Structures are given as C-alpha cells and as structure tokens.
Amino acid sequence: MLPEVQDTILTVATPAGRSFHAVIRVSGSEAIPSIHEIFVPSANIKLENLQTFVSIKGCICLPAESLKIPAVLYVMRQPHSYTKEDIVEIHTLGGRPIGEMILQYILQKKEGLKDGLRLSRPGEFTKRAFLHGRIDLAQAEAIKNLIRSQSDSELDLAILQLSGNASLRIKDIQNKITSLCTYIEMSIDFSDQDIELISRMEMINKMEDIRNDIVNLMNKPLTDKISSEEIRTVLYGKPNVGKSSLINALLGEKRAIVSDRPGTTRDMVTGVLEIGSVCFKLTDIAGFDEAREPVFLQAREKAQGALKSAHLLLLVFAGNEKMDIQSLEINHSEVANNVIVVVNKCDLMPESSSFELPEEVKKYTVVYVSALTGEGLERLKTLMFDKVLAGQIERSNTLHFFNVYQKDAMQRSYERIEQAIASFRDTMSDEFIAMDLRMAVDILGEVVGEITTEDILDKIFQEFCIGK
C-alpha cells in the first residue's frame, strides 16, 4: 500500500461560490476521531459506536469564532463506503468560508491522531476507490466524465461507462486470449509426443474472432438511446436547387433568403428542426459554383468545414434541371449511411423525364419533395428520424466511448493479436505466438487498471475536481 493512502484525507466537497449548503468529506482510519471535538450530537451518542449508513443530527462548535452551526453527520463504515474506508460527511449551512473554517479547525487537532491527516488532492477519493478495488480504471474515467457532463447525451454516455459493461467485455476478451494461450503452451509441452490439442484451423479462427472482438469494442456505439443532442444536418447542392426554400419549408418559417438568382446564399443559414425526440440542426450552406471572388471563396471554405463536421448530409438536386449541370463536388467514398438524396422541385419535373440521378448517388435513399407545395416533406422527416433510430448516424466526432489512452491500449493489443496471427500463418515457433498473446492480455489490463503505473494514475486523477 502506498504511504499516502494510509493518511486520512478531508476537503470541502461542495464547489466554490455562494451556497446554502456545505459538505465536508473525510475518508480514512481517522475519519471519526478527527471530527470528535468539532461535532456535538443532539443525542447522547458515541460516534465510535455508530454503524454504517447512519445520520446524526447535531451542531458544529467552533470555540475560537464562538460559532455553533446546525449540522448533520453522515457515517459510512468500511468496507461499505465509496473508498472502502471509514467516511464521514458533515452537512451544514453556508458556503466556502464556513467549510474552510471547519477544515482548519480539524487540521489543527491532527497531532492527537494515530495516522496522518491532510487535505485531499484532486480526485483522491475516487483514486482510493480504485486502489481498494471498489471500481476499475475504466469506471474511474466514467466518474470523471459524469462530473463533467454538460448535456443529456454526455450524461447517458458516462452512466453507460460507469455500469462496467465495457470492463466486462474487455475481461471477456482477456479470458478468451488466456484460454487460447493455454492451448498453445500445452502444445509446446507435448510437442515431442505428436499430440494436437487444437486444430490449426480452429486456432486461426479463435485468434481472428478475438481480433474482431477488439475492433468491435473500439468501435462501440456511443449509447443505446436516442440522444437529445442536436444532429448536425447539412443541405448540400449546386446553386439554385432550392436549398433555401427547402430549409424554410422544413422549419415552417422564413430563415433563408429565396431568389431565382443562382448563388443568393453566401453564408450559412441554420435552424433547429425537432422530429420526435431528436433535434436536427439544419445548415443551408452556400452553393458551390465556379466563382473566384474572395468573399465567395471564404463562404466556400466555411461550407466545406460544415460538411466535414456534419452528422447527416442531405444531397439536394433540382428535379426540373438536367443532371449534367448539377454535378456535385463531393468525395462519395467518404460518406456512407449518413446521406439522403433529396430531389426538390418534384412538382416541376417533366412527365417524360430527362432527369436521371448520377450512378454514385443511386445507392443512397432518395426522396422526392417540393418545398413549394410541401409534397414529400413528411417522408423526408421520417427518413431523417429513422437514420438516428437505426443508429446509422456517425457521431464519433463529438463523443467517444473510450478516451485516447484506452483506445491506444486496445489498438496495441489488436496489433499483438495481428502479429500472433501472422506468426501462426508463417509457422513460427509457438513460443513467439504465446508471447504475443500474453502481451495482448497485459495491454488490455491497462484499460481496467490491472496493470498500470503511478504516472498513468496521476494523469487520470489530477483532472478530477477537489472532493471527488
């Protein structure tokens, strides 16, 4: 056990600023003795005899300031507390000044205690929960994300991480690798007896399954629920295909200037469209033409930035124009399930249609609409909502299930499995294959904290706020 973990730590757990409530949190073997002189119970109760998960009314007495403040003491005995140590919390009135006065008084009395007593460092309560086995490292990261969450989607993601589902999947992969490694090592032991414990085909299949498991985990969907975060949706097409009219029709209000003159929209126009439980942030970007004026080129640059960050792309064509003048400057290899082709002005399409979609966009869902008459708009909204419902919207550019350190560890583990597969196919010695598999297991252990260093722990927990 690290020497610093033997200390009893305390802090004001409520954030800085004005507050009607202050919480002083203490964790460690000296938690109860440290507050013995400052907290006076309303009833004749010995604090040392309290069981876990009890609350006691009383008051905080500060003789030097002649203060007597109403308070409630909450006691959580080890090993049932968050840190698996004795924890006491003083809940009292007031904001930061009163809390700091209480801290100062408790710290002045530490000479009479058996073990050390000091102020906590950022994230030290959660760090102790990890070191004592209450949570693993992935869950510790989730707690940090939970504290920092600023939207419903970030909150849902943090709760999903905290559930430990990802940790269980990582440990399942570790068990599969370990089991396979056992077969290989046994084969080494019986190599002189011509005994095949597992066929070569089964061996390669198992390694490939493990590799796929790691890939699937790295690409794990952010959440199983529809998020309330806005889906960035870009309307994209040549000038004068009716993007401005379409965004006005979808929003039911005039947000963009509409004109027959091509290229009227030179700046991005945005609005929020709510469909079911999902909000779509619609962006009508400037049409891409061959203009070379600086103001047009600047608008074009902004539009390209919006395209790169889009969750959903609406490719807009005009149904009353020939396709040879509607070619789009877009790399179709970079878009997949997040595209809907919208053929606007369907009310103006000729009966003997000379309209033919380009081959590269026929693979996408196509909807015919008229911003003027409203035809097809409800169908378009349904398609947009269904893409989110089906989990087809790629949103990894805003939220990540794993952070950069966790993904790096999984990537390194994946590379070890790849090396083991290559060695096996090249009929290299089983010792090399077993070594790569063992290293893959150890690297995955970094994600859940089975193998870690003090530097990694410091990096993670120093980003917490005080009192957590």
Protein backbone atom coordinates (compact mmCIF):
# COMPACT_ATOMS: atom_id res chain seq x y z
CA MET A 1 0.00 0.00 0.00
CA LEU A 2 1.33 3.47 -0.89
CA PRO A 3 2.23 5.54 2.22
CA GLU A 4 -0.06 8.40 1.14
CA VAL A 5 -3.05 6.01 1.10
CA GLN A 6 -2.63 5.45 4.83
CA ASP A 7 -3.37 9.12 5.50
CA THR A 8 -6.86 10.31 6.35
CA ILE A 9 -7.93 12.92 3.81
CA LEU A 10 -10.52 15.67 4.04
CA THR A 11 -11.85 18.52 1.95
CA VAL A 12 -14.83 20.75 1.26
CA ALA A 13 -16.77 18.69 -1.31
CA THR A 14 -19.10 21.48 -2.43
CA PRO A 15 -17.91 23.79 -5.22
CA ALA A 16 -16.60 27.29 -4.61
CA GLY A 17 -19.05 30.17 -4.54
CA ARG A 18 -22.18 31.13 -2.63
CA SER A 19 -24.23 28.25 -1.33
CA PHE A 20 -26.84 27.46 1.30
CA HIS A 21 -25.18 24.11 1.91
CA ALA A 22 -21.64 22.98 2.68
CA VAL A 23 -20.30 19.42 2.73
CA ILE A 24 -17.04 18.46 4.44
CA ARG A 25 -15.91 14.97 3.43
CA VAL A 26 -13.36 12.89 5.41
CA SER A 27 -12.05 9.43 4.47
CA GLY A 28 -9.62 7.16 6.30
CA SER A 29 -8.97 5.37 9.54
CA GLU A 30 -9.05 8.66 11.49
CA ALA A 31 -12.27 9.91 9.90
CA ILE A 32 -14.41 9.63 13.03
CA PRO A 33 -11.73 10.63 15.61
CA SER A 34 -10.83 13.69 13.53
CA ILE A 35 -14.28 15.26 13.94
CA HIS A 36 -14.79 14.17 17.55
CA GLU A 37 -14.19 17.60 19.07
CA ILE A 38 -15.93 19.67 16.43
CA PHE A 39 -19.22 17.78 16.05
CA VAL A 40 -21.61 17.58 19.00
CA PRO A 41 -24.57 15.15 18.56
CA SER A 42 -28.02 16.23 19.65
CA ALA A 43 -28.47 12.92 21.47
CA ASN A 44 -26.08 11.23 23.87
CA ILE A 45 -24.38 9.04 21.27
CA LYS A 46 -20.79 7.86 21.00
CA LEU A 47 -19.62 8.34 17.44
CA GLU A 48 -17.20 5.40 17.68
CA ASN A 49 -20.14 3.03 18.18
CA LEU A 50 -22.05 4.12 15.07
CA GLN A 51 -22.72 1.51 12.40
CA THR A 52 -22.55 2.14 8.67
CA PHE A 53 -25.04 4.27 6.74
CA VAL A 54 -26.41 6.29 9.64
CA SER A 55 -27.06 10.02 10.03
CA ILE A 56 -26.91 12.01 13.25
CA LYS A 57 -28.27 15.49 13.92
CA GLY A 58 -26.10 17.86 15.89
CA CYS A 59 -24.08 21.03 15.57
CA ILE A 60 -20.59 22.20 14.67
CA CYS A 61 -18.87 24.06 17.50
CA LEU A 62 -16.01 26.46 16.71
CA PRO A 63 -14.91 27.91 20.08
CA ALA A 64 -12.42 30.39 18.61
CA GLU A 65 -15.13 32.02 16.49
CA SER A 66 -17.88 31.42 19.08
CA LEU A 67 -19.94 29.68 16.41
CA LYS A 68 -22.49 26.94 16.85
CA ILE A 69 -23.84 25.81 13.49
CA PRO A 70 -26.60 23.21 12.90
CA ALA A 71 -25.28 20.16 11.05
CA VAL A 72 -25.99 16.57 10.11
CA LEU A 73 -23.28 13.91 10.26
CA TYR A 74 -23.39 11.00 7.80
CA VAL A 75 -21.30 7.94 8.62
CA MET A 76 -20.29 5.18 6.16
CA ARG A 77 -18.15 2.44 7.66
CA GLN A 78 -15.51 0.49 5.75
CA PRO A 79 -15.69 -1.63 3.64
CA HIS A 80 -19.17 -0.44 2.63
CA SER A 81 -18.24 3.12 1.66
CA TYR A 82 -17.20 4.55 -1.70
CA THR A 83 -13.48 4.42 -0.83
CA LYS A 84 -13.83 1.20 1.22
CA GLU A 85 -12.55 3.26 4.17
CA ASP A 86 -14.44 4.93 7.00
CA ILE A 87 -16.10 8.05 5.58
CA VAL A 88 -17.87 10.84 7.42
CA GLU A 89 -19.59 13.80 5.84
CA ILE A 90 -20.57 16.95 7.69
CA HIS A 91 -23.54 18.66 6.03
CA THR A 92 -24.03 22.14 7.35
CA LEU A 93 -25.10 25.67 6.42
CA GLY A 94 -23.13 28.17 4.46
CA GLY A 95 -20.71 28.27 1.58
CA ARG A 96 -16.97 28.02 1.21
CA PRO A 97 -15.84 30.28 4.12
CA ILE A 98 -17.60 28.21 6.79
CA GLY A 99 -16.35 24.98 5.21
CA GLU A 100 -12.77 26.22 5.23
CA MET A 101 -13.06 27.31 8.86
CA ILE A 102 -14.17 23.77 9.75
CA LEU A 103 -11.27 22.26 7.78
CA GLN A 104 -8.78 24.50 9.52
CA TYR A 105 -10.11 23.56 12.95
CA ILE A 106 -9.96 19.80 12.19
CA LEU A 107 -6.41 20.04 10.83
CA GLN A 108 -5.25 21.85 13.98
CA LYS A 109 -6.24 18.79 16.05
CA LYS A 110 -4.38 16.21 13.92
CA GLU A 111 -1.46 15.88 16.40
CA GLY A 112 -3.58 13.71 18.64
CA LEU A 113 -4.36 11.20 15.90
CA LYS A 114 -2.51 7.93 15.26
CA ASP A 115 -2.23 8.24 11.47
CA GLY A 116 -1.69 11.22 9.20
CA LEU A 117 -4.42 13.74 8.41
CA ARG A 118 -4.22 16.10 5.45
CA LEU A 119 -6.19 17.86 2.75
CA SER A 120 -7.10 15.70 -0.23
CA ARG A 121 -5.69 16.12 -3.71
CA PRO A 122 -7.85 16.32 -6.87
CA GLY A 123 -9.60 13.00 -7.50
CA GLU A 124 -8.10 11.33 -4.45
CA PHE A 125 -11.39 9.93 -3.13
CA THR A 126 -12.02 8.19 -6.45
CA LYS A 127 -8.37 7.14 -6.65
CA ARG A 128 -8.77 5.36 -3.32
CA ALA A 129 -11.94 3.71 -4.56
CA PHE A 130 -9.88 2.33 -7.47
CA LEU A 131 -6.88 1.30 -5.35
CA HIS A 132 -9.14 -0.51 -2.89
CA GLY A 133 -11.00 -2.36 -5.67
CA ARG A 134 -14.34 -0.58 -5.46
CA ILE A 135 -14.14 0.40 -9.15
CA ASP A 136 -11.78 -0.31 -12.04
CA LEU A 137 -9.87 2.27 -14.03
CA ALA A 138 -12.43 2.46 -16.83
CA GLN A 139 -15.16 3.22 -14.29
CA ALA A 140 -12.95 5.87 -12.68
CA GLU A 141 -12.73 7.57 -16.08
CA ALA A 142 -16.52 7.31 -16.32
CA ILE A 143 -16.95 9.08 -12.98
CA LYS A 144 -14.80 11.95 -14.26
CA ASN A 145 -16.97 12.14 -17.38
CA LEU A 146 -20.11 12.01 -15.24
CA ILE A 147 -18.94 15.01 -13.22
CA ARG A 148 -18.01 16.96 -16.35
CA SER A 149 -21.08 16.10 -18.45
CA GLN A 150 -22.87 19.16 -19.83
CA SER A 151 -25.59 17.56 -21.94
CA ASP A 152 -28.04 14.66 -21.71
CA SER A 153 -26.01 12.68 -24.23
CA GLU A 154 -22.76 13.11 -22.27
CA LEU A 155 -24.59 12.11 -19.09
CA ASP A 156 -26.08 8.99 -20.73
CA LEU A 157 -22.65 8.02 -22.06
CA ALA A 158 -20.96 8.43 -18.66
CA ILE A 159 -23.66 6.31 -16.98
CA LEU A 160 -23.20 3.64 -19.65
CA GLN A 161 -19.44 3.63 -19.00
CA LEU A 162 -19.95 3.54 -15.23
CA SER A 163 -22.15 0.44 -15.49
CA GLY A 164 -18.97 -1.57 -16.11
CA ASN A 165 -20.27 -3.11 -19.33
CA ALA A 166 -17.11 -2.17 -21.25
CA SER A 167 -14.90 -3.55 -18.48
CA LEU A 168 -16.76 -6.85 -18.57
CA ARG A 169 -16.29 -7.09 -22.34
CA ILE A 170 -12.58 -6.37 -22.01
CA LYS A 171 -12.21 -9.04 -19.35
CA ASP A 172 -14.14 -11.47 -21.54
CA ILE A 173 -11.65 -10.84 -24.35
CA GLN A 174 -8.78 -11.33 -21.92
CA ASN A 175 -10.24 -14.68 -20.84
CA LYS A 176 -10.54 -15.80 -24.46
CA ILE A 177 -6.91 -14.90 -25.15
CA THR A 178 -5.75 -16.59 -21.95
CA SER A 179 -7.66 -19.76 -22.80
CA LEU A 180 -6.14 -19.83 -26.29
CA CYS A 181 -2.69 -19.18 -24.86
CA THR A 182 -3.14 -22.14 -22.53
CA TYR A 183 -3.74 -24.44 -25.51
CA ILE A 184 -0.61 -23.16 -27.22
CA GLU A 185 1.56 -23.56 -24.14
CA MET A 186 0.24 -27.08 -23.60
CA SER A 187 1.06 -27.84 -27.24
CA ILE A 188 4.62 -26.75 -26.52
CA ASP A 189 4.81 -29.13 -23.57
CA PHE A 190 3.51 -32.05 -25.66
CA SER A 191 5.35 -31.16 -28.88
CA ASP A 192 7.55 -34.27 -28.68
CA GLN A 193 4.51 -36.59 -28.39
CA ASP A 194 2.78 -35.58 -31.63
CA ILE A 195 -0.46 -34.63 -29.81
CA GLU A 196 -2.65 -31.93 -31.40
CA LEU A 197 -4.79 -30.36 -28.67
CA ILE A 198 -6.45 -27.94 -31.09
CA SER A 199 -6.50 -27.92 -34.89
CA ARG A 200 -4.71 -25.22 -36.86
CA MET A 201 -7.98 -24.11 -38.44
CA GLU A 202 -9.65 -23.75 -35.04
CA MET A 203 -6.63 -21.87 -33.71
CA ILE A 204 -6.67 -19.30 -36.51
CA ASN A 205 -10.46 -18.92 -36.23
CA LYS A 206 -10.20 -18.21 -32.50
CA MET A 207 -7.49 -15.59 -32.99
CA GLU A 208 -9.46 -13.88 -35.74
CA ASP A 209 -12.57 -13.87 -33.53
CA ILE A 210 -10.57 -12.20 -30.76
CA ARG A 211 -9.21 -9.63 -33.19
CA ASN A 212 -12.75 -8.84 -34.35
CA ASP A 213 -13.93 -8.54 -30.73
CA ILE A 214 -11.30 -5.87 -30.08
CA VAL A 215 -12.24 -3.97 -33.25
CA ASN A 216 -15.94 -4.08 -32.33
CA LEU A 217 -15.16 -2.83 -28.83
CA MET A 218 -13.10 0.08 -30.15
CA ASN A 219 -16.00 0.99 -32.45
CA LYS A 220 -18.60 0.51 -29.71
CA PRO A 221 -21.75 2.63 -30.27
CA LEU A 222 -21.81 5.67 -28.03
CA THR A 223 -25.18 4.94 -26.49
CA ASP A 224 -28.09 2.60 -26.89
CA LYS A 225 -30.53 5.50 -26.56
CA ILE A 226 -31.55 8.35 -28.84
CA SER A 227 -29.72 11.40 -27.59
CA SER A 228 -31.20 14.84 -27.22
CA GLU A 229 -28.01 16.34 -28.64
CA GLU A 230 -28.56 18.12 -31.93
CA ILE A 231 -27.78 16.17 -35.10
CA ARG A 232 -25.79 18.44 -37.39
CA THR A 233 -27.56 18.22 -40.76
CA VAL A 234 -26.19 19.94 -43.88
CA LEU A 235 -28.20 20.67 -47.03
CA TYR A 236 -25.73 20.47 -49.90
CA GLY A 237 -26.11 21.05 -53.62
CA LYS A 238 -25.45 23.34 -56.56
CA PRO A 239 -26.79 26.93 -56.51
CA ASN A 240 -30.49 27.40 -57.19
CA VAL A 241 -31.60 23.82 -56.49
CA GLY A 242 -33.88 25.21 -53.76
CA LYS A 243 -31.91 24.54 -50.57
CA SER A 244 -33.04 27.83 -49.01
CA SER A 245 -36.69 27.15 -49.88
CA LEU A 246 -36.36 23.61 -48.51
CA ILE A 247 -34.93 24.70 -45.16
CA ASN A 248 -37.70 27.30 -44.85
CA ALA A 249 -40.32 24.64 -45.62
CA LEU A 250 -38.87 22.16 -43.11
CA LEU A 251 -38.69 24.77 -40.34
CA GLY A 252 -42.07 26.26 -41.19
CA GLU A 253 -40.62 29.76 -41.11
CA LYS A 254 -38.55 32.03 -43.34
CA ARG A 255 -34.93 31.69 -42.23
CA ALA A 256 -33.18 32.00 -45.60
CA ILE A 257 -33.47 34.47 -48.48
CA VAL A 258 -35.13 32.88 -51.51
CA SER A 259 -34.37 34.13 -55.02
CA ASP A 260 -34.35 32.85 -58.58
CA ARG A 261 -30.88 34.24 -58.95
CA PRO A 262 -28.28 31.44 -58.51
CA GLY A 263 -25.94 31.74 -55.55
CA THR A 264 -28.07 34.02 -53.39
CA THR A 265 -26.97 32.22 -50.22
CA ARG A 266 -23.36 33.16 -49.48
CA ASP A 267 -23.34 32.49 -45.76
CA MET A 268 -24.58 29.54 -43.74
CA VAL A 269 -28.18 29.59 -42.56
CA THR A 270 -29.11 27.43 -39.59
CA GLY A 271 -32.24 26.38 -37.74
CA VAL A 272 -33.31 23.61 -35.38
CA LEU A 273 -35.90 21.07 -36.51
CA GLU A 274 -37.37 18.75 -33.86
CA ILE A 275 -38.59 15.38 -35.13
CA GLY A 276 -39.89 13.05 -32.45
CA SER A 277 -37.29 13.08 -29.66
CA VAL A 278 -34.43 14.22 -31.89
CA CYS A 279 -33.28 17.76 -32.72
CA PHE A 280 -31.68 18.31 -36.12
CA LYS A 281 -29.57 21.43 -36.57
CA LEU A 282 -30.19 22.23 -40.23
CA THR A 283 -27.49 24.15 -42.07
CA ASP A 284 -28.09 25.57 -45.53
CA ILE A 285 -24.59 26.22 -46.85
CA ALA A 286 -23.61 28.34 -49.82
CA GLY A 287 -23.94 26.71 -53.21
CA PHE A 288 -20.63 25.61 -54.73
CA ASP A 289 -20.02 27.26 -58.09
CA GLU A 290 -17.00 28.46 -60.01
CA ALA A 291 -16.90 31.96 -58.51
CA ARG A 292 -13.43 33.24 -57.66
CA GLU A 293 -14.22 36.45 -55.75
CA PRO A 294 -12.63 36.48 -52.24
CA VAL A 295 -15.99 36.75 -50.43
CA PHE A 296 -17.32 33.74 -52.35
CA LEU A 297 -14.16 31.73 -51.71
CA GLN A 298 -14.47 32.48 -47.99
CA ALA A 299 -18.06 31.27 -47.99
CA ARG A 300 -16.96 28.15 -49.81
CA GLU A 301 -14.30 27.45 -47.16
CA LYS A 302 -16.86 27.77 -44.34
CA ALA A 303 -19.21 25.45 -46.20
CA GLN A 304 -16.52 22.80 -46.55
CA GLY A 305 -15.90 22.97 -42.80
CA ALA A 306 -19.61 22.41 -42.14
CA LEU A 307 -19.57 19.40 -44.48
CA LYS A 308 -16.70 17.76 -42.62
CA SER A 309 -18.44 18.09 -39.24
CA ALA A 310 -21.92 17.03 -40.46
CA HIS A 311 -23.68 14.05 -38.90
CA LEU A 312 -26.26 13.87 -41.69
CA LEU A 313 -25.94 15.07 -45.28
CA LEU A 314 -28.90 15.97 -47.49
CA LEU A 315 -27.77 15.99 -51.13
CA VAL A 316 -30.22 18.32 -52.85
CA PHE A 317 -30.94 18.18 -56.60
CA ALA A 318 -33.44 20.16 -58.67
CA GLY A 319 -35.93 17.91 -60.39
CA ASN A 320 -36.55 20.39 -63.23
CA GLU A 321 -32.92 20.62 -64.36
CA LYS A 322 -30.67 18.25 -66.27
CA MET A 323 -28.15 16.33 -64.22
CA ASP A 324 -25.16 17.34 -66.36
CA ILE A 325 -25.30 20.82 -64.79
CA GLN A 326 -25.84 19.54 -61.24
CA SER A 327 -22.56 17.69 -60.67
CA LEU A 328 -21.52 17.89 -57.03
CA GLU A 329 -18.01 18.41 -55.72
CA ILE A 330 -18.06 15.67 -53.12
CA ASN A 331 -15.92 12.63 -52.40
CA HIS A 332 -18.50 9.85 -52.33
CA SER A 333 -16.03 7.41 -50.77
CA GLU A 334 -16.12 9.48 -47.57
CA VAL A 335 -19.88 9.20 -46.98
CA ALA A 336 -21.91 6.09 -46.28
CA ASN A 337 -25.09 5.68 -44.25
CA ASN A 338 -25.44 9.37 -43.32
CA VAL A 339 -26.68 10.55 -46.76
CA ILE A 340 -30.20 11.16 -48.04
CA VAL A 341 -30.66 12.27 -51.64
CA VAL A 342 -33.38 14.94 -51.88
CA VAL A 343 -34.83 15.74 -55.31
CA ASN A 344 -36.50 19.13 -54.84
CA LYS A 345 -38.99 20.84 -57.19
CA CYS A 346 -40.60 17.49 -57.97
CA ASP A 347 -43.78 19.41 -58.92
CA LEU A 348 -41.86 20.87 -61.87
CA MET A 349 -40.41 17.61 -63.17
CA PRO A 350 -41.40 16.89 -66.82
CA GLU A 351 -43.61 13.86 -67.45
CA SER A 352 -41.21 12.33 -69.95
CA SER A 353 -38.37 12.58 -67.53
CA SER A 354 -34.95 13.51 -68.73
CA PHE A 355 -33.95 13.54 -65.06
CA GLU A 356 -31.50 10.78 -64.20
CA LEU A 357 -29.60 10.56 -60.91
CA PRO A 358 -25.83 10.01 -61.09
CA GLU A 359 -24.79 6.41 -60.59
CA GLU A 360 -22.73 7.24 -57.48
CA VAL A 361 -25.78 8.55 -55.58
CA LYS A 362 -28.28 5.86 -56.58
CA LYS A 363 -27.04 3.70 -53.70
CA TYR A 364 -28.48 6.20 -51.20
CA THR A 365 -32.08 6.63 -50.09
CA VAL A 366 -33.89 9.01 -52.47
CA VAL A 367 -36.91 11.15 -51.63
CA TYR A 368 -38.79 13.49 -53.99
CA VAL A 369 -40.06 16.70 -52.39
CA SER A 370 -41.45 20.10 -53.25
CA ALA A 371 -40.58 22.97 -50.95
CA LEU A 372 -43.34 24.95 -52.65
CA THR A 373 -46.26 22.52 -52.25
CA GLY A 374 -44.98 20.55 -49.25
CA GLU A 375 -45.08 17.25 -51.11
CA GLY A 376 -42.66 14.67 -49.67
CA LEU A 377 -41.59 16.76 -46.65
CA GLU A 378 -43.11 14.38 -44.09
CA ARG A 379 -41.43 11.46 -45.86
CA LEU A 380 -38.09 13.30 -45.64
CA LYS A 381 -38.56 13.91 -41.90
CA THR A 382 -39.38 10.24 -41.35
CA LEU A 383 -36.21 9.17 -43.18
CA MET A 384 -34.09 11.57 -41.11
CA PHE A 385 -35.54 10.29 -37.85
CA ASP A 386 -35.20 6.64 -38.92
CA LYS A 387 -31.48 7.07 -39.58
CA VAL A 388 -30.94 8.17 -35.98
CA LEU A 389 -33.27 5.47 -34.64
CA ALA A 390 -31.35 2.79 -36.56
CA GLY A 391 -28.00 4.02 -35.23
CA GLN A 392 -26.74 4.91 -38.71
CA ILE A 393 -25.64 8.42 -37.82
CA GLU A 394 -21.90 8.54 -37.19
CA ARG A 395 -21.37 10.84 -34.24
CA SER A 396 -17.89 9.83 -33.11
CA ASN A 397 -16.61 13.33 -33.83
CA THR A 398 -18.47 14.65 -30.79
CA LEU A 399 -18.43 11.89 -28.17
CA HIS A 400 -16.16 8.92 -27.65
CA PHE A 401 -16.94 5.88 -25.55
CA PHE A 402 -13.22 5.36 -24.85
CA ASN A 403 -10.64 8.10 -24.35
CA VAL A 404 -7.38 8.35 -26.26
CA TYR A 405 -5.39 6.31 -23.71
CA GLN A 406 -7.90 3.47 -23.64
CA LYS A 407 -8.12 3.37 -27.43
CA ASP A 408 -4.34 3.36 -27.69
CA ALA A 409 -4.15 0.35 -25.37
CA MET A 410 -6.79 -1.53 -27.37
CA GLN A 411 -5.00 -0.65 -30.62
CA ARG A 412 -1.72 -2.02 -29.25
CA SER A 413 -3.48 -5.18 -28.09
CA TYR A 414 -5.04 -5.54 -31.55
CA GLU A 415 -1.60 -5.24 -33.14
CA ARG A 416 -0.28 -8.03 -30.90
CA ILE A 417 -3.13 -10.29 -31.98
CA GLU A 418 -2.38 -9.42 -35.62
CA GLN A 419 1.28 -10.32 -35.01
CA ALA A 420 0.27 -13.63 -33.43
CA ILE A 421 -1.92 -14.45 -36.45
CA ALA A 422 0.92 -13.58 -38.86
CA SER A 423 3.39 -15.69 -36.86
CA PHE A 424 0.99 -18.62 -36.83
CA ARG A 425 0.47 -18.45 -40.59
CA ASP A 426 4.23 -18.25 -41.11
CA THR A 427 4.56 -21.42 -38.95
CA MET A 428 6.82 -19.66 -36.49
CA SER A 429 7.59 -21.18 -33.12
CA ASP A 430 4.66 -21.44 -30.70
CA GLU A 431 6.71 -19.60 -28.08
CA PHE A 432 6.54 -16.39 -30.14
CA ILE A 433 2.78 -16.76 -30.62
CA ALA A 434 2.21 -17.33 -26.90
CA MET A 435 4.36 -14.29 -26.06
CA ASP A 436 2.30 -12.02 -28.33
CA LEU A 437 -0.95 -13.34 -26.85
CA ARG A 438 0.26 -12.79 -23.29
CA MET A 439 1.28 -9.24 -24.14
CA ALA A 440 -2.16 -8.63 -25.69
CA VAL A 441 -3.76 -9.68 -22.38
CA ASP A 442 -1.45 -7.43 -20.36
CA ILE A 443 -2.06 -4.41 -22.59
CA LEU A 444 -5.84 -4.77 -22.24
CA GLY A 445 -5.24 -4.83 -18.49
CA GLU A 446 -4.15 -1.19 -18.74
CA VAL A 447 -7.73 -0.19 -19.65
CA VAL A 448 -9.29 -1.64 -16.49
CA GLY A 449 -6.27 -0.95 -14.28
CA GLU A 450 -4.94 -4.48 -13.76
CA ILE A 451 -1.57 -3.24 -15.00
CA THR A 452 -0.82 0.44 -14.55
CA THR A 453 1.81 2.92 -13.39
CA GLU A 454 1.77 5.81 -10.95
CA ASP A 455 2.22 8.21 -13.89
CA ILE A 456 -0.99 6.93 -15.51
CA LEU A 457 -2.90 7.22 -12.25
CA ASP A 458 -1.64 10.76 -11.65
CA LYS A 459 -2.64 11.75 -15.18
CA ILE A 460 -6.19 10.43 -14.73
CA PHE A 461 -6.99 11.62 -11.23
CA GLN A 462 -5.36 15.05 -11.38
CA GLU A 463 -8.07 16.02 -13.87
CA PHE A 464 -10.77 15.48 -11.21
CA CYS A 465 -12.02 18.34 -9.09
CA ILE A 466 -11.29 18.55 -5.36
CA GLY A 467 -13.61 16.45 -3.20
CA LYS A 468 -14.29 13.70 -5.76
